């Protein structure tokens, strides 16, 4: 009996130690991050994409990231997918019109007002539109992220 207890204890220690060695997606930084609104700067809009400000992590690497996207009034993003797992989004300002499908269909775009939280599933075609004014959205996920247009 004592031998069985020792063997169980040893197996538990070995498995527990092994779990500590399992590598999870890395965190970008191991310190407290505070960015006041005036410290957040958006890059230039390039190639039909919105302006982006990376707040945490590196979206091009296999790690947790947080970024903000700024869409000017009238801006439309063509139907597209993202390769990474589930992304979470929160509309911070403006009303984002969001729709599912491989073709842009204004009638299918639902209004997401400020404060709306939603998810985007991997490889699910969708499109967005800043129909009524400027929109800022915060995105969080585990990279690497990407953008694959449907057409």
Protein backbone atom coordinates (compact mmCIF):
# COMPACT_ATOMS: atom_id res chain seq x y z
CA UNK A 1 0.00 0.00 0.00
CA UNK A 2 2.79 2.41 0.95
CA UNK A 3 4.51 1.59 -2.33
CA UNK A 4 1.31 2.44 -4.25
CA UNK A 5 1.00 5.77 -2.42
CA UNK A 6 4.62 6.65 -3.22
CA UNK A 7 4.16 5.71 -6.87
CA UNK A 8 0.99 7.81 -7.11
CA UNK A 9 2.72 10.75 -5.45
CA UNK A 10 5.70 10.49 -7.79
CA UNK A 11 3.43 10.26 -10.85
CA UNK A 12 1.52 13.34 -9.68
CA UNK A 13 4.73 15.32 -9.22
CA UNK A 14 6.06 14.29 -12.64
CA UNK A 15 2.78 15.15 -14.42
CA UNK A 16 2.50 18.45 -12.53
CA UNK A 17 6.05 19.39 -13.45
CA UNK A 18 5.38 18.43 -17.06
CA UNK A 19 2.37 20.73 -17.18
CA UNK A 20 4.59 23.59 -16.10
CA UNK A 21 6.78 22.95 -19.10
CA UNK A 22 3.92 23.02 -21.62
CA UNK A 23 4.29 26.16 -23.65
CA UNK A 24 1.25 28.42 -23.92
CA UNK A 25 1.05 31.37 -26.32
CA UNK A 26 3.55 33.89 -25.07
CA UNK A 27 2.54 37.16 -23.52
CA UNK A 28 3.99 40.17 -25.26
CA UNK A 29 5.26 41.86 -22.14
CA UNK A 30 5.51 40.92 -18.50
CA UNK A 31 4.77 44.35 -17.04
CA UNK A 32 1.82 46.58 -16.42
CA UNK A 33 0.82 48.50 -19.54
CA UNK A 34 -1.12 51.77 -19.38
CA UNK A 35 -1.86 53.78 -22.49
CA UNK A 36 -3.82 56.97 -22.07
CA UNK A 37 -6.01 58.01 -25.03
CA UNK A 38 -3.51 60.65 -26.14
CA UNK A 39 -0.74 58.04 -26.26
CA UNK A 40 -2.56 55.80 -28.74
CA UNK A 41 -1.57 56.58 -32.30
CA UNK A 42 -3.08 54.97 -35.37
CA UNK A 43 -1.03 54.12 -38.43
CA UNK A 44 -1.99 55.18 -41.93
CA UNK A 45 -4.80 53.36 -43.74
CA UNK A 46 -3.16 51.21 -46.42
CA UNK A 47 -4.65 49.13 -49.22
CA UNK A 48 -8.32 49.48 -48.37
CA UNK A 49 -7.81 48.59 -44.71
CA UNK A 50 -8.63 50.71 -41.65
CA UNK A 51 -6.12 52.57 -39.53
CA UNK A 52 -4.65 50.33 -36.83
CA UNK A 53 -3.11 50.97 -33.41
CA UNK A 54 -1.49 47.96 -31.74
CA UNK A 55 -1.96 48.27 -27.98
CA UNK A 56 -0.47 44.98 -26.81
CA UNK A 57 1.45 42.10 -28.32
CA UNK A 58 2.35 41.50 -31.93
CA UNK A 59 -0.53 40.42 -34.18
CA UNK A 60 1.93 38.81 -36.61
CA UNK A 61 3.20 36.36 -33.97
CA UNK A 62 1.67 33.46 -32.06
CA UNK A 63 0.78 35.50 -29.01
CA UNK A 64 -2.08 37.40 -27.44
CA UNK A 65 -2.68 40.80 -29.03
CA UNK A 66 -4.99 43.79 -28.60
CA UNK A 67 -5.43 46.39 -31.31
CA UNK A 68 -7.82 49.13 -32.29
CA UNK A 69 -9.15 49.77 -35.77
CA UNK A 70 -10.43 53.16 -36.91
CA UNK A 71 -12.86 53.33 -39.82
CA UNK A 72 -13.68 56.74 -41.34
CA UNK A 73 -17.30 57.54 -42.20
CA UNK A 74 -18.50 55.60 -45.23
CA UNK A 75 -15.60 53.11 -45.10
CA UNK A 76 -16.47 49.60 -46.32
CA UNK A 77 -14.39 46.48 -45.73
CA UNK A 78 -14.96 43.83 -48.41
CA UNK A 79 -16.08 40.34 -47.39
CA UNK A 80 -13.10 38.56 -45.89
CA UNK A 81 -11.94 35.98 -43.34
CA UNK A 82 -9.25 35.78 -40.68
CA UNK A 83 -7.03 32.73 -40.19
CA UNK A 84 -6.63 32.78 -36.42
CA UNK A 85 -9.00 31.36 -33.82
CA UNK A 86 -11.88 33.28 -32.33
CA UNK A 87 -11.37 37.04 -32.09
CA UNK A 88 -13.32 39.26 -29.73
CA UNK A 89 -14.36 42.78 -30.68
CA UNK A 90 -15.88 45.71 -28.83
CA UNK A 91 -17.28 48.78 -30.54
CA UNK A 92 -15.79 51.75 -28.67
CA UNK A 93 -17.29 54.61 -30.67
CA UNK A 94 -19.63 55.08 -33.61
CA UNK A 95 -21.93 52.42 -35.03
CA UNK A 96 -20.34 49.53 -36.91
CA UNK A 97 -22.49 47.75 -39.48
CA UNK A 98 -21.54 44.06 -39.57
CA UNK A 99 -22.74 41.31 -41.88
CA UNK A 100 -21.99 37.69 -42.75
CA UNK A 101 -21.50 36.39 -46.26
CA UNK A 102 -19.18 36.18 -49.22
CA UNK A 103 -20.71 39.23 -50.92
CA UNK A 104 -21.20 42.72 -49.51
CA UNK A 105 -24.93 43.17 -48.93
CA UNK A 106 -25.95 46.41 -47.21
CA UNK A 107 -29.35 44.89 -46.34
CA UNK A 108 -27.64 42.16 -44.26
CA UNK A 109 -25.43 44.57 -42.28
CA UNK A 110 -26.66 44.89 -38.69
CA UNK A 111 -25.91 48.02 -36.63
CA UNK A 112 -23.61 47.44 -33.64
CA UNK A 113 -23.68 50.59 -31.46
CA UNK A 114 -20.95 51.61 -28.97
CA UNK A 115 -20.51 49.05 -26.22
CA UNK A 116 -21.40 46.08 -28.43
CA UNK A 117 -19.22 43.02 -27.81
CA UNK A 118 -19.06 40.26 -30.42
CA UNK A 119 -16.89 37.45 -31.72
CA UNK A 120 -15.62 36.58 -35.18
CA UNK A 121 -15.17 32.89 -35.84
CA UNK A 122 -12.19 31.66 -37.85
CA UNK A 123 -12.67 31.39 -41.61
CA UNK A 124 -16.22 32.80 -41.43
CA UNK A 125 -16.77 35.34 -44.26
CA UNK A 126 -17.97 38.73 -43.04
CA UNK A 127 -17.92 42.42 -43.96
CA UNK A 128 -18.09 45.73 -42.12
CA UNK A 129 -19.22 49.26 -42.87
CA UNK A 130 -18.89 52.59 -41.08
CA UNK A 131 -22.15 53.76 -42.63
CA UNK A 132 -23.06 56.72 -40.42
CA UNK A 133 -19.76 58.11 -39.17
CA UNK A 134 -16.32 57.29 -37.80
CA UNK A 135 -16.03 53.99 -35.89
CA UNK A 136 -13.39 52.67 -33.50
CA UNK A 137 -13.33 48.96 -32.63
CA UNK A 138 -11.05 47.11 -30.22
CA UNK A 139 -9.95 43.61 -31.26
CA UNK A 140 -8.34 40.92 -29.07
CA UNK A 141 -7.11 37.51 -30.14
CA UNK A 142 -4.17 35.17 -30.47
CA UNK A 143 -2.13 35.68 -33.61
CA UNK A 144 -0.89 35.48 -36.10
CA UNK A 145 -3.77 37.41 -37.60
CA UNK A 146 -4.43 38.05 -41.24
CA UNK A 147 -6.93 39.28 -43.79
CA UNK A 148 -8.09 37.13 -46.71
CA UNK A 149 -10.55 38.85 -49.12
CA UNK A 150 -13.24 36.61 -50.59
CA UNK A 151 -12.85 37.94 -54.15
